[in-house]
Amino acid sequence: MLVPLAWLTAAACVALAAWAAWFVVRDRAVVLRQLWGAAVVEGLLVLQAVVAGVLLVTGPAEVDGVLFWGYVATQMIVLPIAAAWAFAERTRWSSVVLLVAALTVAFLEYRLVQIWGAA
């Protein structure tokens, strides 16, 4: 796994969370641009999963596959579920959902770096 890519993805998640927090404070619902931001983060997650898969197959890294891929799969489904929920819920709570989801993915990124570093 490319650790700089993981930190970039985590930073993008924190930025998305800050943007959602600003909307929570202002009592506003999620806007389409925020969902596009979540889509960019999801693209980074897919890229990271592909890179990690290639490195696991070709490299000498020994990580617990079930644990690692469990985190990867979880983080890849959190934002799409949150985006669908936020799109359906047109109140302030949609911003709260996006905020929690983005912080969750950022934390999962941190754990992936720990898991990879333990190899």
N, C-alpha and C. Protein backbone atom coordinates (compact mmCIF):
# COMPACT_ATOMS: atom_id res chain seq x y z
N MET A 1 0.84 -1.17 0.00
CA MET A 1 0.00 0.00 0.00
C MET A 1 0.88 1.23 0.00
N LEU A 2 0.54 2.18 -0.80
CA LEU A 2 1.28 3.43 -0.81
C LEU A 2 0.79 4.30 0.34
N VAL A 3 1.65 4.47 1.32
CA VAL A 3 1.26 5.23 2.51
C VAL A 3 0.94 6.69 2.17
N PRO A 4 1.70 7.36 1.27
CA PRO A 4 1.30 8.73 0.91
C PRO A 4 -0.10 8.81 0.29
N LEU A 5 -0.47 7.81 -0.48
CA LEU A 5 -1.82 7.78 -1.05
C LEU A 5 -2.86 7.63 0.06
N ALA A 6 -2.54 6.82 1.07
CA ALA A 6 -3.45 6.66 2.20
C ALA A 6 -3.62 7.97 2.97
N TRP A 7 -2.52 8.68 3.18
CA TRP A 7 -2.61 9.96 3.89
C TRP A 7 -3.35 11.01 3.05
N LEU A 8 -3.15 10.98 1.73
CA LEU A 8 -3.89 11.89 0.86
C LEU A 8 -5.39 11.61 0.94
N THR A 9 -5.74 10.34 0.93
CA THR A 9 -7.14 9.96 1.03
C THR A 9 -7.72 10.37 2.38
N ALA A 10 -6.96 10.15 3.44
CA ALA A 10 -7.43 10.56 4.77
C ALA A 10 -7.61 12.07 4.85
N ALA A 11 -6.68 12.81 4.25
CA ALA A 11 -6.79 14.28 4.24
C ALA A 11 -8.03 14.72 3.46
N ALA A 12 -8.30 14.06 2.35
CA ALA A 12 -9.50 14.38 1.57
C ALA A 12 -10.76 14.09 2.38
N CYS A 13 -10.73 13.02 3.15
CA CYS A 13 -11.88 12.69 4.01
C CYS A 13 -12.07 13.74 5.09
N VAL A 14 -10.99 14.19 5.69
CA VAL A 14 -11.08 15.22 6.72
C VAL A 14 -11.60 16.53 6.13
N ALA A 15 -11.14 16.86 4.92
CA ALA A 15 -11.64 18.07 4.25
C ALA A 15 -13.14 17.95 3.97
N LEU A 16 -13.57 16.78 3.50
CA LEU A 16 -14.99 16.56 3.26
C LEU A 16 -15.78 16.65 4.56
N ALA A 17 -15.22 16.11 5.64
CA ALA A 17 -15.88 16.18 6.94
C ALA A 17 -15.99 17.63 7.43
N ALA A 18 -14.95 18.41 7.21
CA ALA A 18 -14.99 19.82 7.62
C ALA A 18 -16.05 20.58 6.83
N TRP A 19 -16.14 20.28 5.54
CA TRP A 19 -17.15 20.90 4.69
C TRP A 19 -18.55 20.53 5.18
N ALA A 20 -18.75 19.26 5.52
CA ALA A 20 -20.05 18.82 6.03
C ALA A 20 -20.32 19.45 7.40
N ALA A 21 -19.30 19.57 8.24
CA ALA A 21 -19.47 20.20 9.56
C ALA A 21 -19.91 21.65 9.41
N TRP A 22 -19.35 22.33 8.43
CA TRP A 22 -19.76 23.72 8.18
C TRP A 22 -21.24 23.79 7.83
N PHE A 23 -21.72 22.82 7.07
CA PHE A 23 -23.14 22.78 6.73
C PHE A 23 -23.99 22.42 7.95
N VAL A 24 -23.47 21.58 8.83
CA VAL A 24 -24.20 21.24 10.06
C VAL A 24 -24.37 22.50 10.90
N VAL A 25 -23.29 23.25 11.06
CA VAL A 25 -23.33 24.48 11.87
C VAL A 25 -24.32 25.48 11.27
N ARG A 26 -24.36 25.55 9.97
CA ARG A 26 -25.26 26.50 9.29
C ARG A 26 -26.66 25.95 9.09
N ASP A 27 -26.92 24.72 9.59
CA ASP A 27 -28.23 24.09 9.52
C ASP A 27 -28.70 23.92 8.07
N ARG A 28 -27.80 23.38 7.24
CA ARG A 28 -28.10 23.19 5.82
C ARG A 28 -27.96 21.72 5.45
N ALA A 29 -28.68 21.34 4.43
CA ALA A 29 -28.59 19.97 3.91
C ALA A 29 -27.39 19.84 2.97
N VAL A 30 -27.02 18.62 2.71
CA VAL A 30 -25.93 18.33 1.78
C VAL A 30 -26.31 18.83 0.39
N VAL A 31 -25.32 19.37 -0.34
CA VAL A 31 -25.53 19.81 -1.71
C VAL A 31 -24.81 18.84 -2.65
N LEU A 32 -25.16 18.91 -3.90
CA LEU A 32 -24.62 17.97 -4.89
C LEU A 32 -23.10 18.05 -4.98
N ARG A 33 -22.53 19.23 -4.82
CA ARG A 33 -21.06 19.36 -4.89
C ARG A 33 -20.37 18.54 -3.81
N GLN A 34 -20.99 18.44 -2.64
CA GLN A 34 -20.41 17.62 -1.58
C GLN A 34 -20.45 16.15 -1.95
N LEU A 35 -21.51 15.73 -2.61
CA LEU A 35 -21.58 14.34 -3.05
C LEU A 35 -20.54 14.06 -4.13
N TRP A 36 -20.26 15.06 -4.97
CA TRP A 36 -19.18 14.90 -5.95
C TRP A 36 -17.83 14.80 -5.23
N GLY A 37 -17.68 15.55 -4.15
CA GLY A 37 -16.47 15.43 -3.33
C GLY A 37 -16.33 14.04 -2.74
N ALA A 38 -17.44 13.48 -2.28
CA ALA A 38 -17.43 12.11 -1.77
C ALA A 38 -17.08 11.12 -2.89
N ALA A 39 -17.52 11.41 -4.11
CA ALA A 39 -17.19 10.54 -5.25
C ALA A 39 -15.69 10.59 -5.55
N VAL A 40 -15.08 11.75 -5.39
CA VAL A 40 -13.62 11.86 -5.59
C VAL A 40 -12.89 11.03 -4.54
N VAL A 41 -13.34 11.12 -3.29
CA VAL A 41 -12.74 10.31 -2.23
C VAL A 41 -12.92 8.82 -2.54
N GLU A 42 -14.07 8.46 -3.03
CA GLU A 42 -14.33 7.06 -3.38
C GLU A 42 -13.40 6.61 -4.51
N GLY A 43 -13.13 7.48 -5.46
CA GLY A 43 -12.17 7.16 -6.52
C GLY A 43 -10.78 6.92 -5.95
N LEU A 44 -10.39 7.73 -4.98
CA LEU A 44 -9.10 7.52 -4.31
C LEU A 44 -9.08 6.17 -3.58
N LEU A 45 -10.20 5.80 -2.98
CA LEU A 45 -10.27 4.52 -2.28
C LEU A 45 -10.14 3.34 -3.25
N VAL A 46 -10.77 3.46 -4.40
CA VAL A 46 -10.67 2.40 -5.42
C VAL A 46 -9.22 2.29 -5.92
N LEU A 47 -8.60 3.44 -6.20
CA LEU A 47 -7.20 3.45 -6.63
C LEU A 47 -6.31 2.80 -5.57
N GLN A 48 -6.54 3.15 -4.33
CA GLN A 48 -5.75 2.58 -3.25
C GLN A 48 -5.95 1.07 -3.15
N ALA A 49 -7.17 0.59 -3.31
CA ALA A 49 -7.43 -0.84 -3.25
C ALA A 49 -6.71 -1.58 -4.37
N VAL A 50 -6.71 -1.01 -5.55
CA VAL A 50 -6.01 -1.64 -6.68
C VAL A 50 -4.51 -1.68 -6.42
N VAL A 51 -3.94 -0.57 -5.98
CA VAL A 51 -2.50 -0.51 -5.70
C VAL A 51 -2.14 -1.49 -4.59
N ALA A 52 -2.94 -1.54 -3.53
CA ALA A 52 -2.67 -2.46 -2.43
C ALA A 52 -2.75 -3.91 -2.89
N GLY A 53 -3.72 -4.21 -3.74
CA GLY A 53 -3.84 -5.57 -4.25
C GLY A 53 -2.63 -5.98 -5.07
N VAL A 54 -2.16 -5.07 -5.92
CA VAL A 54 -0.98 -5.35 -6.73
C VAL A 54 0.24 -5.54 -5.83
N LEU A 55 0.40 -4.68 -4.84
CA LEU A 55 1.56 -4.78 -3.95
C LEU A 55 1.51 -6.04 -3.09
N LEU A 56 0.31 -6.46 -2.69
CA LEU A 56 0.20 -7.68 -1.91
C LEU A 56 0.54 -8.92 -2.73
N VAL A 57 0.17 -8.89 -4.02
CA VAL A 57 0.45 -10.04 -4.88
C VAL A 57 1.92 -10.09 -5.28
N THR A 58 2.50 -8.94 -5.57
CA THR A 58 3.87 -8.93 -6.09
C THR A 58 4.94 -8.71 -5.03
N GLY A 59 4.56 -8.16 -3.88
CA GLY A 59 5.56 -7.79 -2.88
C GLY A 59 5.68 -8.81 -1.76
N PRO A 60 6.67 -8.60 -0.91
CA PRO A 60 6.89 -9.51 0.21
C PRO A 60 6.07 -9.17 1.45
N ALA A 61 5.16 -8.21 1.34
CA ALA A 61 4.38 -7.78 2.51
C ALA A 61 3.52 -8.93 3.02
N GLU A 62 3.55 -9.09 4.34
CA GLU A 62 2.73 -10.11 4.96
C GLU A 62 1.78 -9.43 5.93
N VAL A 63 0.57 -9.28 5.50
CA VAL A 63 -0.47 -8.71 6.34
C VAL A 63 -1.60 -9.72 6.46
N ASP A 64 -2.37 -9.59 7.52
CA ASP A 64 -3.53 -10.45 7.68
C ASP A 64 -4.55 -10.07 6.61
N GLY A 65 -4.72 -10.93 5.64
CA GLY A 65 -5.57 -10.62 4.50
C GLY A 65 -7.01 -10.34 4.86
N VAL A 66 -7.57 -11.13 5.78
CA VAL A 66 -8.97 -10.93 6.16
C VAL A 66 -9.15 -9.58 6.84
N LEU A 67 -8.24 -9.23 7.74
CA LEU A 67 -8.33 -7.95 8.43
C LEU A 67 -8.15 -6.79 7.45
N PHE A 68 -7.10 -6.88 6.63
CA PHE A 68 -6.81 -5.80 5.68
C PHE A 68 -7.95 -5.60 4.70
N TRP A 69 -8.38 -6.66 4.04
CA TRP A 69 -9.43 -6.52 3.03
C TRP A 69 -10.79 -6.22 3.66
N GLY A 70 -10.97 -6.60 4.92
CA GLY A 70 -12.19 -6.22 5.63
C GLY A 70 -12.27 -4.71 5.80
N TYR A 71 -11.13 -4.10 6.18
CA TYR A 71 -11.09 -2.64 6.29
C TYR A 71 -11.29 -1.98 4.94
N VAL A 72 -10.64 -2.51 3.91
CA VAL A 72 -10.77 -1.93 2.56
C VAL A 72 -12.23 -2.00 2.10
N ALA A 73 -12.86 -3.16 2.26
CA ALA A 73 -14.25 -3.31 1.82
C ALA A 73 -15.18 -2.40 2.62
N THR A 74 -14.94 -2.29 3.92
CA THR A 74 -15.80 -1.45 4.75
C THR A 74 -15.70 0.00 4.35
N GLN A 75 -14.48 0.48 4.17
CA GLN A 75 -14.34 1.89 3.83
C GLN A 75 -14.90 2.20 2.44
N MET A 76 -14.93 1.21 1.57
CA MET A 76 -15.45 1.46 0.22
C MET A 76 -16.98 1.52 0.18
N ILE A 77 -17.66 0.96 1.19
CA ILE A 77 -19.12 1.00 1.17
C ILE A 77 -19.69 2.11 2.06
N VAL A 78 -18.87 2.67 2.96
CA VAL A 78 -19.39 3.68 3.89
C VAL A 78 -19.86 4.94 3.16
N LEU A 79 -19.02 5.49 2.31
CA LEU A 79 -19.40 6.75 1.64
C LEU A 79 -20.57 6.60 0.66
N PRO A 80 -20.63 5.54 -0.15
CA PRO A 80 -21.81 5.42 -1.01
C PRO A 80 -23.12 5.29 -0.22
N ILE A 81 -23.10 4.56 0.89
CA ILE A 81 -24.30 4.45 1.70
C ILE A 81 -24.66 5.81 2.29
N ALA A 82 -23.65 6.52 2.80
CA ALA A 82 -23.89 7.84 3.37
C ALA A 82 -24.39 8.82 2.31
N ALA A 83 -23.85 8.74 1.11
CA ALA A 83 -24.28 9.63 0.03
C ALA A 83 -25.73 9.36 -0.35
N ALA A 84 -26.10 8.08 -0.43
CA ALA A 84 -27.49 7.75 -0.75
C ALA A 84 -28.42 8.25 0.36
N TRP A 85 -28.00 8.07 1.60
CA TRP A 85 -28.80 8.54 2.73
C TRP A 85 -28.92 10.07 2.70
N ALA A 86 -27.79 10.73 2.47
CA ALA A 86 -27.79 12.20 2.44
C ALA A 86 -28.64 12.73 1.29
N PHE A 87 -28.64 12.03 0.17
CA PHE A 87 -29.45 12.47 -0.98
C PHE A 87 -30.94 12.32 -0.68
N ALA A 88 -31.29 11.26 0.07
CA ALA A 88 -32.69 11.02 0.39
C ALA A 88 -33.18 11.92 1.52
N GLU A 89 -32.31 12.23 2.46
CA GLU A 89 -32.66 13.05 3.62
C GLU A 89 -32.30 14.49 3.34
N ARG A 90 -33.26 15.33 3.10
CA ARG A 90 -32.99 16.70 2.69
C ARG A 90 -33.07 17.68 3.87
N THR A 91 -32.50 17.29 5.01
CA THR A 91 -32.47 18.17 6.18
C THR A 91 -31.02 18.31 6.64
N ARG A 92 -30.85 18.99 7.74
CA ARG A 92 -29.52 19.17 8.33
C ARG A 92 -28.86 17.82 8.64
N TRP A 93 -29.66 16.81 8.92
CA TRP A 93 -29.12 15.52 9.30
C TRP A 93 -28.37 14.85 8.16
N SER A 94 -28.65 15.24 6.94
CA SER A 94 -27.87 14.69 5.82
C SER A 94 -26.41 15.13 5.93
N SER A 95 -26.19 16.35 6.38
CA SER A 95 -24.82 16.83 6.58
C SER A 95 -24.15 16.09 7.74
N VAL A 96 -24.92 15.78 8.77
CA VAL A 96 -24.38 15.01 9.89
C VAL A 96 -23.97 13.62 9.43
N VAL A 97 -24.79 12.99 8.62
CA VAL A 97 -24.47 11.66 8.10
C VAL A 97 -23.19 11.70 7.28
N LEU A 98 -23.06 12.69 6.41
CA LEU A 98 -21.85 12.80 5.60
C LEU A 98 -20.62 13.09 6.46
N LEU A 99 -20.78 13.91 7.48
CA LEU A 99 -19.70 14.21 8.41
C LEU A 99 -19.21 12.94 9.11
N VAL A 100 -20.12 12.17 9.65
CA VAL A 100 -19.75 10.94 10.37
C VAL A 100 -19.11 9.93 9.41
N ALA A 101 -19.66 9.80 8.23
CA ALA A 101 -19.11 8.85 7.26
C ALA A 101 -17.70 9.24 6.84
N ALA A 102 -17.46 10.52 6.59
CA ALA A 102 -16.13 10.96 6.17
C ALA A 102 -15.12 10.76 7.29
N LEU A 103 -15.50 11.04 8.52
CA LEU A 103 -14.58 10.80 9.65
C LEU A 103 -14.33 9.31 9.85
N THR A 104 -15.33 8.49 9.61
CA THR A 104 -15.17 7.04 9.72
C THR A 104 -14.16 6.54 8.70
N VAL A 105 -14.28 7.00 7.47
CA VAL A 105 -13.34 6.56 6.42
C VAL A 105 -11.93 7.06 6.73
N ALA A 106 -11.80 8.27 7.26
CA ALA A 106 -10.48 8.78 7.63
C ALA A 106 -9.86 7.91 8.71
N PHE A 107 -10.65 7.50 9.70
CA PHE A 107 -10.14 6.62 10.74
C PHE A 107 -9.76 5.25 10.18
N LEU A 108 -10.57 4.72 9.28
CA LEU A 108 -10.25 3.43 8.66
C LEU A 108 -8.95 3.52 7.85
N GLU A 109 -8.71 4.65 7.22
CA GLU A 109 -7.44 4.86 6.51
C GLU A 109 -6.27 4.80 7.49
N TYR A 110 -6.42 5.45 8.63
CA TYR A 110 -5.38 5.43 9.65
C TYR A 110 -5.11 3.99 10.11
N ARG A 111 -6.17 3.23 10.31
CA ARG A 111 -6.00 1.83 10.73
C ARG A 111 -5.32 1.01 9.62
N LEU A 112 -5.63 1.28 8.36
CA LEU A 112 -4.99 0.55 7.27
C LEU A 112 -3.48 0.81 7.25
N VAL A 113 -3.11 2.05 7.51
CA VAL A 113 -1.68 2.37 7.57
C VAL A 113 -1.02 1.60 8.72
N GLN A 114 -1.71 1.50 9.85
CA GLN A 114 -1.18 0.73 10.98
C GLN A 114 -1.05 -0.74 10.64
N ILE A 115 -2.08 -1.29 10.01
CA ILE A 115 -2.05 -2.71 9.64
C ILE A 115 -0.93 -2.97 8.66
N TRP A 116 -0.78 -2.12 7.68
CA TRP A 116 0.28 -2.31 6.68
C TRP A 116 1.65 -2.16 7.31
N GLY A 117 1.79 -1.20 8.23
CA GLY A 117 3.08 -0.99 8.89
C GLY A 117 3.46 -2.12 9.81
N ALA A 118 2.47 -2.88 10.28
CA ALA A 118 2.75 -4.01 11.18
C ALA A 118 3.32 -5.18 10.42
N ALA A 119 3.31 -5.13 9.11
CA ALA A 119 3.80 -6.25 8.30
C ALA A 119 5.32 -6.36 8.37
